[in-house]
């Protein structure tokens, strides 16, 4: 998660990456 957060911030793809990570977390929780 830490690495993914750094990557999305560095590349500017914050929203799409966060959305994917959030969806993955929700899917795991369900």
Protein backbone atom coordinates (compact mmCIF):
# COMPACT_ATOMS: atom_id res chain seq x y z
CA UNK A 1 0.00 0.00 0.00
CA UNK A 2 2.83 2.41 0.86
CA UNK A 3 4.58 1.75 -2.45
CA UNK A 4 1.35 2.10 -4.43
CA UNK A 5 0.62 5.39 -2.66
CA UNK A 6 4.05 6.73 -3.61
CA UNK A 7 3.71 5.59 -7.22
CA UNK A 8 0.31 7.18 -7.72
CA UNK A 9 1.46 10.48 -6.21
CA UNK A 10 4.68 10.57 -8.20
CA UNK A 11 2.98 9.85 -11.54
CA UNK A 12 -0.10 11.99 -11.00
CA UNK A 13 -2.53 9.08 -11.26
CA UNK A 14 -3.80 9.63 -7.74
CA UNK A 15 -7.53 9.29 -8.37
CA UNK A 16 -7.55 6.19 -10.64
CA UNK A 17 -5.05 4.31 -8.49
CA UNK A 18 -6.85 5.20 -5.26
CA UNK A 19 -10.15 4.10 -6.80
CA UNK A 20 -8.66 0.74 -7.80
CA UNK A 21 -7.04 0.22 -4.40
CA UNK A 22 -10.30 1.16 -2.67
CA UNK A 23 -12.28 -1.25 -4.84
CA UNK A 24 -9.76 -4.01 -4.08
CA UNK A 25 -10.06 -3.37 -0.34
CA UNK A 26 -13.87 -3.41 -0.52
CA UNK A 27 -13.83 -6.64 -2.55
CA UNK A 28 -11.55 -8.28 0.02
CA UNK A 29 -13.81 -7.12 2.84
CA UNK A 30 -17.01 -8.44 1.21
